[in-house]
Amino acid sequence: MVGLFPLLLLVLLLGLGLHFLLQVFAKQEPANLPHGSMGWPLCGETLGFLKPHRSNSMGNFLQEHCSRYGRVFKSHLFGSPTVVSCDHELNWFVLQNEEKLFRVSYPKAMHGILGKFSLLIVSGDVHKKLRNVGASFISASKSKPNFANCVENMSISMMNSWKNCKQISFYKEVKKFTLNLILKHLLSIEPEEPLAVKILEDFLTYMKGFVSLPVYIPGTPYTSAVKARARLSATVTEIIKERKKEKLGLEEGDFLDIILSKGSLSDEETVSIVLDILLGGYETTATLMALIVYFLAHAPDALEKLRQEHNAIRKSKEDGEPLSWEDYQKMEFTCNVVYEAMRCGNVVKFVHRIALQDVQFKGYFIPSGWKVLPVFTAAHFDPSLHENPLEFNPWRWTDKATRKKVMPFGGGPRLCPGAELAKVEIAFFLHHLVLNYRWKTMADDFPLAYPYVEFRRGLLLEIEPVGAMLEKTPNCTTRV
C-alpha cells in the first residue's frame, strides 16, 4: 500500500493539471458557445451520459443538464469536446447537412467492432455506393410475395412453437425470428442449420461489446466483440468463396447472389454490407418488436384497436390465404403503433457527428472540430412537440405531421434504408401474434438504455392462446 501512494499522488496531480488546462482553454471559448460542464479530466461526462436508464425516459443525465443549461449544451464526451443537442430543429439541421457542415464521427474504438467499410463509419462516395447496394436489397425485397410469404410462414411457425407454453422469453425468441428471416433472405441459410446458431451466438457477443468500455484486454466485452466480428467476417467470407466456386450469378437468387452478379464491390466491401444488413435486420428490428409488445401489454385500448384492425383483414381473406403487400397497406393503425413504440422506446438514442467548420444555429456557436451528438430521445419526450410525451398513444400518429417530429430512422443521406422492410416484417408478425395470443409482462421487467436497449428479464411474458392456432409448415425458398 505504501508503494501505491506515490502513484496515486501522481495520478491525482496529473488529473488536476489536465483539469486546470481544460479550465484555461474553456476561458478562451467563444461567448456564444452553449452553456455546460466539461466534467472530469480525460473521461469528461461520458460515464454519466452512458449510465443505464429506462429507455422510455430521458434519463437523469439529460434531464438535469437540460434543466440546468437548456436543450443544447456543451460537454466532454467520448474523449472530445462536444455539443449535445436535445433540440429537434438542431438535430434535423445536423442530419440534413451531412458532408456539408457535419460528418459522421464514431469513436475510434468502434471501428474495431464495425469494420472500416461499415455504413455507420464510411462517408462520401464510399457511403453512397454501399448504401445504394443496401437500398437495392430493401426495394427488391419489401413487396415481393416471396419475402412476404417467408415472414408470414416463420411467424406462424413461431406462434405454433408456443402452443404449450405458459411463459416465454420474448426478446430471445424474437431475436431468433429476425435473424433467421434475414439469414434466409440474404444468404439462404435455413433456421435449423448449425451455421444459423453459430451466427446468432456471435451476434449476441458482438452486441454486448458494441458500446462497452473500449479496453482490449482478454475477457472484456469489447475484446469479445472484436473477436466475434472477426468470426462473423470469416463466416461470410467463406460463403462468398463457395458462391464464387458455384459461379451462379443469378439475379433470381438470394441477395448475396445478386451482389456478386453485379461485381461492383470488393470482397471486403461485400462482407461489410452483408454484416450491416444482418445487424440492422436482426438487432434493431427485434428490439423494436420487443418494445411494441411491451408497450401494448400496458395499453389495452391500443391492443384492442390493433386486434380489430387485423381481425378485419383476416375476415376479408379466404381460409389459408396468405397476407400480401396490399394487406400491409391497410394496416394503418399498426404503422401508428410502430411509430409510437419507436418514439417511446428509442431503439437509437443518439448518433455521432463532427463539425467540419464553425457553425452558427439559433444563436448557438459550434466550433469546427467539435463533436455534435443529436439526441433523439430528448426530442421524443419534448412536451412542446408531443402532448403527454410519456404516454404510449398510437392515435397521435393519425396526424401525419407528427412524423416530422420524430427521427427514429435517422435523417438526411443516412436515413435508414431498411425502415419500410422492417415495418412489413413487424406488421405481419403482429398480425399473427394479436390474433393468437394474450400476454402479460413481469412488473420488474422494462426496457433499459445501455444506450442500446435491453430488458431486465429478457421481456419474460406470460402467454395464453386466444383461439385456434394456424397450422402451417414454413416453406419459403429464396435461392434457385
Protein backbone atom coordinates (compact mmCIF):
# COMPACT_ATOMS: atom_id res chain seq x y z
CA MET A 1 0.00 0.00 0.00
CA VAL A 2 2.90 2.37 0.76
CA GLY A 3 4.25 1.90 -2.75
CA LEU A 4 0.86 2.78 -4.24
CA PHE A 5 0.70 6.19 -2.60
CA PRO A 6 3.26 7.97 -4.88
CA LEU A 7 1.46 6.51 -7.92
CA LEU A 8 -1.93 7.68 -6.69
CA LEU A 9 -0.48 11.11 -5.91
CA LEU A 10 0.99 11.31 -9.43
CA VAL A 11 -2.37 10.38 -10.97
CA LEU A 12 -4.11 12.99 -8.80
CA LEU A 13 -1.63 15.72 -9.76
CA LEU A 14 -1.89 14.77 -13.43
CA GLY A 15 -5.66 14.93 -13.19
CA LEU A 16 -5.58 18.33 -11.53
CA GLY A 17 -3.15 19.56 -14.15
CA LEU A 18 -5.35 18.42 -17.01
CA HIS A 19 -8.39 19.91 -15.30
CA PHE A 20 -6.52 23.23 -14.99
CA LEU A 21 -5.63 23.18 -18.69
CA LEU A 22 -9.26 22.48 -19.58
CA GLN A 23 -10.31 25.45 -17.49
CA VAL A 24 -7.74 27.66 -19.25
CA PHE A 25 -8.98 26.58 -22.67
CA ALA A 26 -12.57 26.99 -21.52
CA LYS A 27 -11.90 30.68 -20.82
CA GLN A 28 -10.86 31.10 -24.45
CA GLU A 29 -14.11 29.63 -25.77
CA PRO A 30 -16.46 31.91 -27.73
CA ALA A 31 -19.04 33.70 -25.65
CA ASN A 32 -21.98 32.21 -27.55
CA LEU A 33 -20.89 28.61 -27.08
CA PRO A 34 -23.70 26.64 -25.38
CA HIS A 35 -23.50 26.54 -21.60
CA GLY A 36 -22.49 23.30 -19.90
CA SER A 37 -19.86 21.43 -17.96
CA MET A 38 -16.76 19.68 -19.30
CA GLY A 39 -16.76 17.25 -16.36
CA TRP A 40 -13.72 15.37 -15.13
CA PRO A 41 -10.33 15.33 -16.90
CA LEU A 42 -9.94 12.70 -19.61
CA CYS A 43 -13.32 10.93 -19.24
CA GLY A 44 -15.34 14.16 -19.07
CA GLU A 45 -19.01 13.30 -18.52
CA THR A 46 -19.05 10.11 -20.61
CA LEU A 47 -19.86 7.74 -17.76
CA GLY A 48 -22.82 9.87 -16.64
CA PHE A 49 -24.07 10.20 -20.21
CA LEU A 50 -23.96 6.42 -20.74
CA LYS A 51 -25.42 5.49 -17.36
CA PRO A 52 -28.25 2.98 -17.92
CA HIS A 53 -31.82 4.24 -17.52
CA ARG A 54 -35.30 3.33 -18.71
CA SER A 55 -35.33 3.69 -22.48
CA ASN A 56 -38.85 5.16 -22.27
CA SER A 57 -37.42 8.18 -20.43
CA MET A 58 -34.73 10.83 -20.97
CA GLY A 59 -32.65 9.58 -18.04
CA ASN A 60 -31.27 11.68 -15.18
CA PHE A 61 -28.22 12.97 -17.07
CA LEU A 62 -30.19 14.61 -19.86
CA GLN A 63 -32.98 15.81 -17.57
CA GLU A 64 -30.54 17.50 -15.21
CA HIS A 65 -28.42 19.05 -17.96
CA CYS A 66 -31.41 20.33 -19.95
CA SER A 67 -32.90 21.80 -16.78
CA ARG A 68 -29.63 23.49 -15.86
CA TYR A 69 -28.18 24.52 -19.24
CA GLY A 70 -31.02 24.32 -21.79
CA ARG A 71 -31.79 21.84 -24.58
CA VAL A 72 -28.42 22.49 -26.24
CA PHE A 73 -25.35 22.29 -24.01
CA LYS A 74 -21.62 21.66 -24.15
CA SER A 75 -19.87 18.70 -22.54
CA HIS A 76 -16.81 16.48 -22.91
CA LEU A 77 -17.87 13.05 -24.19
CA PHE A 78 -16.05 10.09 -25.76
CA GLY A 79 -12.75 11.94 -25.43
CA SER A 80 -13.82 15.09 -27.29
CA PRO A 81 -15.36 18.50 -26.56
CA THR A 82 -18.99 18.08 -27.57
CA VAL A 83 -22.19 19.96 -28.22
CA VAL A 84 -25.15 17.84 -27.13
CA SER A 85 -28.42 18.65 -28.91
CA CYS A 86 -31.76 17.78 -27.35
CA ASP A 87 -33.39 20.25 -29.73
CA HIS A 88 -35.40 18.72 -32.60
CA GLU A 89 -34.66 21.57 -35.04
CA LEU A 90 -30.91 21.39 -34.45
CA ASN A 91 -30.98 17.59 -34.74
CA TRP A 92 -32.74 17.88 -38.08
CA PHE A 93 -30.30 20.57 -39.24
CA VAL A 94 -27.29 18.40 -38.36
CA LEU A 95 -28.60 15.33 -40.18
CA GLN A 96 -29.66 17.29 -43.25
CA ASN A 97 -26.20 18.84 -43.60
CA GLU A 98 -24.24 15.59 -43.75
CA GLU A 99 -20.94 16.03 -45.65
CA LYS A 100 -21.59 19.78 -45.85
CA LEU A 101 -21.30 21.12 -42.32
CA PHE A 102 -21.08 17.83 -40.40
CA ARG A 103 -19.69 14.35 -40.90
CA VAL A 104 -20.16 11.02 -39.15
CA SER A 105 -17.62 10.60 -36.33
CA TYR A 106 -17.92 7.45 -34.25
CA PRO A 107 -15.22 6.81 -31.62
CA LYS A 108 -12.11 5.05 -32.98
CA ALA A 109 -12.73 2.11 -30.68
CA MET A 110 -15.98 1.31 -32.53
CA HIS A 111 -14.10 0.91 -35.80
CA GLY A 112 -12.55 -2.31 -34.48
CA ILE A 113 -16.02 -3.73 -33.97
CA LEU A 114 -17.78 -2.33 -37.03
CA GLY A 115 -15.00 -2.71 -39.60
CA LYS A 116 -13.64 0.03 -41.85
CA PHE A 117 -16.36 -0.32 -44.51
CA SER A 118 -19.38 -0.22 -42.20
CA LEU A 119 -22.15 2.14 -43.33
CA LEU A 120 -22.03 3.71 -39.86
CA ILE A 121 -18.42 4.78 -40.37
CA VAL A 122 -17.75 5.43 -44.07
CA SER A 123 -18.62 8.72 -45.71
CA GLY A 124 -18.63 10.40 -49.13
CA ASP A 125 -18.65 8.30 -52.31
CA VAL A 126 -17.94 5.04 -50.46
CA HIS A 127 -21.00 5.56 -48.28
CA LYS A 128 -23.17 6.36 -51.32
CA LYS A 129 -22.00 3.23 -53.14
CA LEU A 130 -22.55 0.88 -50.21
CA ARG A 131 -25.84 2.50 -49.19
CA ASN A 132 -27.18 2.13 -52.73
CA VAL A 133 -26.39 -1.58 -52.61
CA GLY A 134 -28.22 -1.91 -49.29
CA ALA A 135 -31.15 0.13 -50.57
CA SER A 136 -31.45 -2.13 -53.62
CA PHE A 137 -31.85 -5.12 -51.29
CA ILE A 138 -34.65 -3.37 -49.45
CA SER A 139 -36.55 -2.17 -52.53
CA ALA A 140 -36.23 -5.56 -54.20
CA SER A 141 -37.50 -7.37 -51.11
CA LYS A 142 -40.27 -5.44 -49.40
CA SER A 143 -43.10 -6.02 -51.89
CA LYS A 144 -42.04 -9.43 -53.26
CA PRO A 145 -44.52 -12.24 -52.48
CA ASN A 146 -41.56 -14.48 -51.65
CA PHE A 147 -40.40 -12.21 -48.82
CA ALA A 148 -43.93 -11.63 -47.51
CA ASN A 149 -44.66 -15.37 -47.53
CA CYS A 150 -41.40 -16.09 -45.76
CA VAL A 151 -42.20 -13.57 -43.00
CA GLU A 152 -45.69 -14.99 -42.56
CA ASN A 153 -44.64 -18.63 -42.56
CA MET A 154 -41.92 -18.02 -39.99
CA SER A 155 -44.38 -16.01 -37.88
CA ILE A 156 -46.90 -18.86 -37.90
CA SER A 157 -44.15 -21.34 -37.08
CA MET A 158 -43.17 -19.30 -34.04
CA MET A 159 -46.80 -18.97 -32.89
CA ASN A 160 -47.21 -22.75 -33.16
CA SER A 161 -43.99 -23.35 -31.20
CA TRP A 162 -45.55 -21.52 -28.22
CA LYS A 163 -48.77 -23.57 -28.15
CA ASN A 164 -47.89 -25.48 -24.98
CA CYS A 165 -46.00 -22.65 -23.30
CA LYS A 166 -47.28 -20.58 -20.41
CA GLN A 167 -44.20 -18.35 -20.32
CA ILE A 168 -41.69 -17.27 -22.97
CA SER A 169 -38.58 -15.10 -23.08
CA PHE A 170 -39.89 -12.91 -25.87
CA TYR A 171 -36.76 -10.87 -26.62
CA LYS A 172 -34.71 -14.04 -27.08
CA GLU A 173 -37.44 -15.60 -29.24
CA VAL A 174 -37.89 -12.59 -31.47
CA LYS A 175 -34.13 -12.25 -31.98
CA LYS A 176 -34.09 -15.79 -33.33
CA PHE A 177 -37.04 -14.91 -35.56
CA THR A 178 -35.49 -11.78 -37.09
CA LEU A 179 -32.05 -13.34 -37.55
CA ASN A 180 -33.46 -16.50 -39.15
CA LEU A 181 -35.54 -14.39 -41.51
CA ILE A 182 -32.71 -12.13 -42.62
CA LEU A 183 -30.28 -15.07 -42.92
CA LYS A 184 -32.78 -16.90 -45.12
CA HIS A 185 -33.41 -13.95 -47.40
CA LEU A 186 -29.86 -12.66 -47.51
CA LEU A 187 -27.75 -15.82 -47.51
CA SER A 188 -30.25 -18.72 -47.93
CA ILE A 189 -29.27 -20.17 -44.54
CA GLU A 190 -32.07 -22.24 -43.02
CA PRO A 191 -33.05 -21.71 -39.33
CA GLU A 192 -32.25 -25.32 -38.41
CA GLU A 193 -28.71 -25.19 -39.83
CA PRO A 194 -25.85 -25.19 -37.26
CA LEU A 195 -24.42 -22.16 -39.06
CA ALA A 196 -27.51 -20.11 -38.14
CA VAL A 197 -26.99 -20.98 -34.45
CA LYS A 198 -23.30 -20.06 -34.68
CA ILE A 199 -24.07 -16.68 -36.29
CA LEU A 200 -26.69 -15.91 -33.63
CA GLU A 201 -24.22 -16.65 -30.82
CA ASP A 202 -21.59 -14.41 -32.41
CA PHE A 203 -24.09 -11.59 -32.89
CA LEU A 204 -25.14 -11.76 -29.23
CA THR A 205 -21.47 -11.42 -28.20
CA TYR A 206 -20.99 -8.67 -30.77
CA MET A 207 -23.86 -6.57 -29.39
CA LYS A 208 -22.78 -6.92 -25.74
CA GLY A 209 -19.48 -5.24 -26.57
CA PHE A 210 -20.85 -2.76 -29.09
CA VAL A 211 -20.91 0.20 -26.70
CA SER A 212 -18.84 -1.26 -23.87
CA LEU A 213 -15.72 0.34 -22.40
CA PRO A 214 -13.15 0.02 -25.25
CA VAL A 215 -10.47 -1.88 -23.34
CA TYR A 216 -8.71 -4.52 -25.43
CA ILE A 217 -7.88 -6.97 -22.64
CA PRO A 218 -8.77 -10.68 -22.80
CA GLY A 219 -12.17 -11.34 -21.28
CA THR A 220 -13.64 -7.84 -21.64
CA PRO A 221 -16.90 -7.41 -23.62
CA TYR A 222 -15.08 -5.14 -26.08
CA THR A 223 -12.38 -7.73 -26.84
CA SER A 224 -15.01 -10.46 -27.17
CA ALA A 225 -17.00 -8.26 -29.59
CA VAL A 226 -13.95 -7.58 -31.79
CA LYS A 227 -13.27 -11.32 -31.96
CA ALA A 228 -16.94 -12.09 -32.65
CA ARG A 229 -16.93 -9.59 -35.51
CA ALA A 230 -13.82 -11.30 -36.93
CA ARG A 231 -15.58 -14.69 -36.77
CA LEU A 232 -18.68 -13.28 -38.46
CA SER A 233 -16.49 -11.75 -41.17
CA ALA A 234 -14.71 -15.08 -41.70
CA THR A 235 -18.06 -16.90 -41.93
CA VAL A 236 -19.41 -14.56 -44.61
CA THR A 237 -16.08 -14.60 -46.48
CA GLU A 238 -16.23 -18.39 -46.65
CA ILE A 239 -19.80 -18.24 -48.00
CA ILE A 240 -18.64 -15.77 -50.68
CA LYS A 241 -15.83 -18.11 -51.72
CA GLU A 242 -18.27 -21.01 -52.06
CA ARG A 243 -20.67 -18.92 -54.12
CA LYS A 244 -17.88 -17.86 -56.46
CA LYS A 245 -16.99 -21.52 -56.97
CA GLU A 246 -20.60 -22.22 -57.92
CA LYS A 247 -20.44 -19.31 -60.40
CA LEU A 248 -24.19 -18.84 -60.27
CA GLY A 249 -24.53 -15.08 -60.61
CA LEU A 250 -28.28 -15.47 -60.72
CA GLU A 251 -30.38 -12.33 -60.41
CA GLU A 252 -33.22 -14.55 -59.14
CA GLY A 253 -31.12 -15.93 -56.27
CA ASP A 254 -30.72 -14.52 -52.77
CA PHE A 255 -29.28 -11.09 -52.16
CA LEU A 256 -25.67 -12.27 -51.96
CA ASP A 257 -26.05 -13.82 -55.41
CA ILE A 258 -27.32 -10.50 -56.71
CA ILE A 259 -24.40 -8.56 -55.20
CA LEU A 260 -21.88 -10.99 -56.67
CA SER A 261 -23.56 -10.89 -60.09
CA LYS A 262 -23.10 -7.11 -60.19
CA GLY A 263 -19.37 -7.36 -59.43
CA SER A 264 -19.24 -3.75 -58.21
CA LEU A 265 -17.92 -4.43 -54.69
CA SER A 266 -14.69 -5.91 -53.38
CA ASP A 267 -14.94 -8.97 -51.16
CA GLU A 268 -14.23 -6.82 -48.08
CA GLU A 269 -16.97 -4.36 -49.03
CA THR A 270 -19.38 -7.24 -49.70
CA VAL A 271 -18.69 -8.73 -46.27
CA SER A 272 -19.26 -5.37 -44.63
CA ILE A 273 -22.58 -4.63 -46.35
CA VAL A 274 -23.82 -8.15 -45.55
CA LEU A 275 -22.94 -7.70 -41.86
CA ASP A 276 -24.55 -4.25 -41.81
CA ILE A 277 -27.80 -5.64 -43.26
CA LEU A 278 -27.68 -8.56 -40.82
CA LEU A 279 -27.16 -6.16 -37.91
CA GLY A 280 -30.00 -3.86 -38.97
CA GLY A 281 -32.36 -6.65 -39.92
CA TYR A 282 -31.66 -8.62 -36.77
CA GLU A 283 -30.85 -6.45 -33.76
CA THR A 284 -32.76 -3.21 -34.32
CA THR A 285 -35.86 -4.92 -35.75
CA ALA A 286 -36.00 -7.42 -32.88
CA THR A 287 -35.61 -4.62 -30.35
CA LEU A 288 -38.45 -2.63 -31.89
CA MET A 289 -40.71 -5.69 -31.92
CA ALA A 290 -39.98 -6.31 -28.24
CA LEU A 291 -40.73 -2.66 -27.39
CA ILE A 292 -44.07 -2.86 -29.24
CA VAL A 293 -45.09 -5.98 -27.31
CA TYR A 294 -44.02 -4.36 -24.03
CA PHE A 295 -45.99 -1.15 -24.62
CA LEU A 296 -49.10 -2.98 -25.88
CA ALA A 297 -49.15 -5.03 -22.68
CA HIS A 298 -49.62 -1.76 -20.79
CA ALA A 299 -52.04 -0.17 -23.28
CA PRO A 300 -55.17 -2.41 -23.53
CA ASP A 301 -57.12 0.10 -25.64
CA ALA A 302 -54.36 0.23 -28.24
CA LEU A 303 -54.05 -3.56 -28.25
CA GLU A 304 -57.80 -3.96 -28.78
CA LYS A 305 -57.78 -1.45 -31.64
CA LEU A 306 -54.85 -3.29 -33.21
CA ARG A 307 -56.65 -6.64 -32.84
CA GLN A 308 -59.75 -5.21 -34.52
CA GLU A 309 -57.71 -4.00 -37.49
CA HIS A 310 -56.14 -7.42 -38.00
CA ASN A 311 -59.41 -9.27 -37.47
CA ALA A 312 -60.93 -7.22 -40.30
CA ILE A 313 -58.02 -8.09 -42.59
CA ARG A 314 -58.24 -11.79 -41.72
CA LYS A 315 -62.02 -11.88 -42.32
CA SER A 316 -61.53 -10.36 -45.78
CA LYS A 317 -59.38 -13.30 -46.89
CA GLU A 318 -60.10 -16.91 -47.80
CA ASP A 319 -59.07 -19.61 -45.32
CA GLY A 320 -55.33 -20.14 -45.56
CA GLU A 321 -54.86 -17.22 -47.96
CA PRO A 322 -51.50 -15.53 -47.23
CA LEU A 323 -51.03 -11.88 -46.42
CA SER A 324 -49.98 -9.58 -49.26
CA TRP A 325 -48.43 -6.18 -49.85
CA GLU A 326 -51.98 -4.84 -50.29
CA ASP A 327 -52.88 -6.14 -46.83
CA TYR A 328 -49.88 -4.35 -45.36
CA GLN A 329 -51.06 -1.08 -46.88
CA LYS A 330 -54.34 -1.48 -44.95
CA MET A 331 -52.52 -1.75 -41.61
CA GLU A 332 -52.68 1.95 -40.79
CA PHE A 333 -53.10 1.67 -37.03
CA THR A 334 -50.35 -0.98 -36.98
CA CYS A 335 -47.96 1.56 -38.51
CA ASN A 336 -49.06 4.09 -35.88
CA VAL A 337 -48.18 1.56 -33.18
CA VAL A 338 -44.75 1.03 -34.75
CA TYR A 339 -44.03 4.77 -34.83
CA GLU A 340 -45.23 5.30 -31.27
CA ALA A 341 -43.09 2.43 -29.98
CA MET A 342 -40.07 3.97 -31.69
CA ARG A 343 -40.82 7.33 -30.11
CA CYS A 344 -41.37 5.92 -26.62
CA GLY A 345 -38.77 3.14 -26.68
CA ASN A 346 -35.85 4.77 -28.52
CA VAL A 347 -34.02 1.97 -30.29
CA VAL A 348 -31.37 4.54 -31.27
CA LYS A 349 -30.73 7.11 -28.55
CA PHE A 350 -28.20 9.34 -30.35
CA VAL A 351 -25.70 9.47 -33.23
CA HIS A 352 -22.14 10.79 -33.54
CA ARG A 353 -21.24 13.72 -35.78
CA ILE A 354 -18.38 16.22 -36.01
CA ALA A 355 -18.47 19.85 -37.20
CA LEU A 356 -16.44 20.34 -40.40
CA GLN A 357 -16.41 24.11 -39.92
CA ASP A 358 -17.65 26.74 -37.49
CA VAL A 359 -21.45 26.60 -37.43
CA GLN A 360 -24.00 29.13 -36.16
CA PHE A 361 -27.52 27.92 -35.44
CA LYS A 362 -30.33 29.54 -33.40
CA GLY A 363 -27.81 31.73 -31.62
CA TYR A 364 -25.50 28.84 -30.73
CA PHE A 365 -21.91 28.53 -31.90
CA ILE A 366 -20.49 25.10 -32.72
CA PRO A 367 -16.71 25.24 -33.26
CA SER A 368 -15.04 23.37 -36.10
CA GLY A 369 -13.70 20.01 -34.93
CA TRP A 370 -16.15 19.65 -32.03
CA LYS A 371 -18.31 16.56 -31.80
CA VAL A 372 -22.07 17.04 -32.07
CA LEU A 373 -24.46 14.47 -30.57
CA PRO A 374 -28.06 14.79 -31.81
CA VAL A 375 -30.03 13.05 -29.02
CA PHE A 376 -33.31 11.72 -30.44
CA THR A 377 -34.58 10.55 -27.05
CA ALA A 378 -34.86 14.09 -25.72
CA ALA A 379 -36.85 15.32 -28.71
CA HIS A 380 -39.16 12.30 -28.41
CA PHE A 381 -40.10 13.37 -24.87
CA ASP A 382 -40.27 17.09 -25.55
CA PRO A 383 -43.71 18.31 -24.32
CA SER A 384 -43.58 21.19 -26.80
CA LEU A 385 -43.63 18.62 -29.61
CA HIS A 386 -45.77 15.83 -28.13
CA GLU A 387 -48.75 16.14 -25.81
CA ASN A 388 -48.29 13.95 -22.72
CA PRO A 389 -44.99 12.68 -24.18
CA LEU A 390 -44.51 9.85 -21.66
CA GLU A 391 -47.85 8.28 -22.63
CA PHE A 392 -47.93 5.48 -25.22
CA ASN A 393 -50.61 6.82 -27.57
CA PRO A 394 -50.61 5.48 -31.16
CA TRP A 395 -53.59 7.70 -32.03
CA ARG A 396 -51.30 10.74 -32.00
CA TRP A 397 -49.92 9.50 -35.35
CA THR A 398 -53.30 9.97 -37.05
CA ASP A 399 -51.94 13.47 -37.65
CA LYS A 400 -49.29 12.79 -40.30
CA ALA A 401 -47.45 15.96 -39.27
CA THR A 402 -46.41 14.16 -36.09
CA ARG A 403 -43.98 12.04 -38.11
CA LYS A 404 -41.93 15.15 -38.84
CA LYS A 405 -41.27 15.49 -35.11
CA VAL A 406 -39.63 12.08 -34.71
CA MET A 407 -36.45 10.74 -36.29
CA PRO A 408 -36.16 7.11 -35.16
CA PHE A 409 -34.76 6.08 -38.53
CA GLY A 410 -32.29 8.96 -38.69
CA GLY A 411 -32.45 11.53 -41.47
CA GLY A 412 -30.70 13.07 -44.45
CA PRO A 413 -28.34 10.91 -46.56
CA ARG A 414 -28.09 8.41 -43.69
CA LEU A 415 -31.82 7.77 -43.38
CA CYS A 416 -32.19 4.05 -42.63
CA PRO A 417 -32.83 2.30 -45.97
CA GLY A 418 -34.44 -0.69 -44.24
CA ALA A 419 -37.24 1.19 -42.49
CA GLU A 420 -40.05 0.00 -44.77
CA LEU A 421 -38.80 -3.57 -44.83
CA ALA A 422 -38.73 -3.65 -41.02
CA LYS A 423 -42.29 -2.30 -40.84
CA VAL A 424 -43.60 -5.00 -43.20
CA GLU A 425 -41.87 -7.69 -41.14
CA ILE A 426 -43.23 -6.31 -37.85
CA ALA A 427 -46.76 -5.80 -39.21
CA PHE A 428 -47.06 -9.39 -40.46
CA PHE A 429 -45.66 -10.77 -37.20
CA LEU A 430 -48.08 -8.66 -35.14
CA HIS A 431 -50.97 -9.86 -37.30
CA HIS A 432 -50.48 -13.42 -36.10
CA LEU A 433 -49.45 -12.50 -32.57
CA VAL A 434 -52.51 -10.40 -31.69
CA LEU A 435 -54.92 -12.88 -33.31
CA ASN A 436 -53.45 -15.85 -31.46
CA TYR A 437 -52.20 -14.73 -28.06
CA ARG A 438 -52.78 -12.60 -24.98
CA TRP A 439 -49.78 -11.71 -22.86
CA LYS A 440 -48.63 -10.05 -19.64
CA THR A 441 -45.22 -8.67 -18.69
CA MET A 442 -43.46 -9.02 -15.34
CA ALA A 443 -43.71 -5.98 -13.04
CA ASP A 444 -39.93 -5.62 -12.79
CA ASP A 445 -39.25 -6.17 -16.50
CA PHE A 446 -38.85 -2.98 -18.54
CA PRO A 447 -36.60 -1.63 -21.33
CA LEU A 448 -33.26 -0.14 -20.30
CA ALA A 449 -30.95 2.04 -22.40
CA TYR A 450 -27.27 1.00 -22.16
CA PRO A 451 -27.54 3.04 -24.53
CA TYR A 452 -28.64 0.09 -26.72
CA VAL A 453 -31.93 -1.31 -25.45
CA GLU A 454 -32.12 -4.39 -23.23
CA PHE A 455 -34.82 -5.78 -20.94
CA ARG A 456 -34.14 -6.51 -17.30
CA ARG A 457 -35.52 -10.04 -17.58
CA GLY A 458 -35.40 -10.52 -21.34
CA LEU A 459 -39.06 -9.45 -21.64
CA LEU A 460 -40.46 -12.51 -19.92
CA LEU A 461 -44.13 -12.92 -20.94
CA GLU A 462 -47.00 -14.93 -19.51
CA ILE A 463 -49.00 -16.02 -22.57
CA GLU A 464 -52.24 -17.80 -23.36
CA PRO A 465 -53.90 -18.61 -26.72
CA VAL A 466 -56.99 -16.64 -27.77
CA GLY A 467 -58.21 -19.08 -30.42
CA ALA A 468 -57.34 -21.97 -32.69
CA MET A 469 -53.75 -21.86 -33.87
CA LEU A 470 -52.96 -21.73 -37.56
CA GLU A 471 -51.22 -24.92 -38.65
CA LYS A 472 -48.85 -24.25 -41.50
CA THR A 473 -45.39 -25.57 -42.26
CA PRO A 474 -42.77 -22.95 -43.12
CA ASN A 475 -41.99 -23.20 -46.79
CA CYS A 476 -40.07 -20.22 -48.11
CA THR A 477 -37.35 -20.66 -50.67
CA THR A 478 -35.02 -17.97 -51.91
CA ARG A 479 -32.16 -19.49 -53.88
CA VAL A 480 -32.93 -21.29 -57.12
